[in-house]
Protein backbone atom coordinates (compact mmCIF):
# COMPACT_ATOMS: atom_id res chain seq x y z
CA MET A 1 13.55 -3.03 10.09
CA MET A 2 11.93 -3.77 6.72
CA VAL A 3 12.12 -7.41 5.63
CA GLY A 4 12.05 -6.57 1.94
CA MET A 5 10.39 -4.50 -0.68
CA HIS A 6 9.07 -5.64 -4.00
CA GLU A 7 7.83 -3.69 -6.98
CA VAL A 8 4.24 -3.98 -8.14
CA ALA A 9 3.24 -2.79 -11.60
CA ILE A 10 -0.10 -1.05 -12.04
CA GLY A 11 -2.03 -0.83 -15.32
CA SER A 12 -2.56 2.93 -15.22
CA ASP A 13 -0.93 6.03 -13.76
CA MET A 14 -2.86 5.78 -10.44
CA ILE A 15 -4.26 3.22 -8.02
CA ARG A 16 -6.09 3.64 -4.71
CA LEU A 17 -4.37 2.61 -1.49
CA GLY A 18 -6.95 -0.02 -0.55
CA GLN A 19 -6.68 -1.64 -3.99
CA PHE A 20 -2.90 -1.57 -3.99
CA LEU A 21 -2.58 -3.32 -0.64
CA LYS A 22 -4.43 -6.33 -2.07
CA LEU A 23 -2.69 -6.22 -5.46
CA ALA A 24 0.72 -6.14 -3.75
CA ASP A 25 -0.22 -9.07 -1.45
CA LEU A 26 0.46 -6.92 1.61
CA ILE A 27 -2.94 -7.99 2.99
CA GLU A 28 -5.37 -10.81 2.25
CA THR A 29 -8.79 -9.12 2.12
CA GLY A 30 -10.40 -5.76 1.50
CA GLY A 31 -11.77 -5.86 5.04
CA GLU A 32 -8.27 -6.28 6.42
CA ALA A 33 -7.12 -3.31 4.33
CA LYS A 34 -9.94 -1.14 5.67
CA MET A 35 -9.11 -2.06 9.29
CA LEU A 36 -5.33 -1.62 9.01
CA ILE A 37 -5.65 1.72 7.22
CA ALA A 38 -8.19 3.03 9.78
CA GLU A 39 -5.95 1.94 12.68
CA GLY A 40 -2.95 3.80 11.23
CA ASP A 41 -0.94 0.64 10.48
CA VAL A 42 -0.25 1.56 6.85
CA THR A 43 2.37 4.04 5.70
CA VAL A 44 2.77 5.73 2.33
CA ASN A 45 6.24 7.10 1.66
CA GLY A 46 7.07 6.73 5.36
CA GLU A 47 4.01 8.59 6.67
CA VAL A 48 0.84 7.09 8.17
CA ASP A 49 -2.14 7.56 5.88
CA THR A 50 -5.68 6.71 7.01
CA ARG A 51 -7.37 7.36 3.64
CA ARG A 52 -8.31 4.13 1.88
CA GLY A 53 -8.94 6.13 -1.29
CA ARG A 54 -5.51 7.78 -1.25
CA GLN A 55 -4.22 7.96 -4.80
CA LEU A 56 -0.88 6.25 -5.36
CA HIS A 57 1.41 6.90 -8.31
CA PRO A 58 4.57 5.21 -9.61
CA GLY A 59 7.38 5.68 -7.10
CA ASP A 60 5.16 5.62 -4.01
CA VAL A 61 6.16 3.10 -1.33
CA VAL A 62 3.48 1.44 0.81
CA ALA A 63 4.34 -0.49 3.98
CA VAL A 64 2.39 -2.67 6.40
CA GLY A 65 4.44 -3.93 9.31
CA GLN A 66 7.66 -5.41 7.94
CA LYS A 67 6.36 -5.75 4.36
CA ALA A 68 6.59 -3.03 1.71
CA ALA A 69 5.91 -2.55 -1.97
CA ARG A 70 6.75 0.18 -4.47
CA VAL A 71 4.26 1.25 -7.15
CA VAL A 72 5.72 1.01 -10.65
CA ALA A 73 4.21 1.79 -14.05
């Protein structure tokens, strides 16, 4: 069960998954992002994605464990 989701505004129409995890405070470091993504612990719109460079757009939902954030413009 998801604890809660918050919205995180980005300054353009796209952000990369690794960058968004840090911006949204879902992880603490870029190294942690790299490890969690590679291990399949990150989902985008409910599906596991192992691409750190995955492009996210407004409306996408990223989750790590019980924490989630939605990309907004």
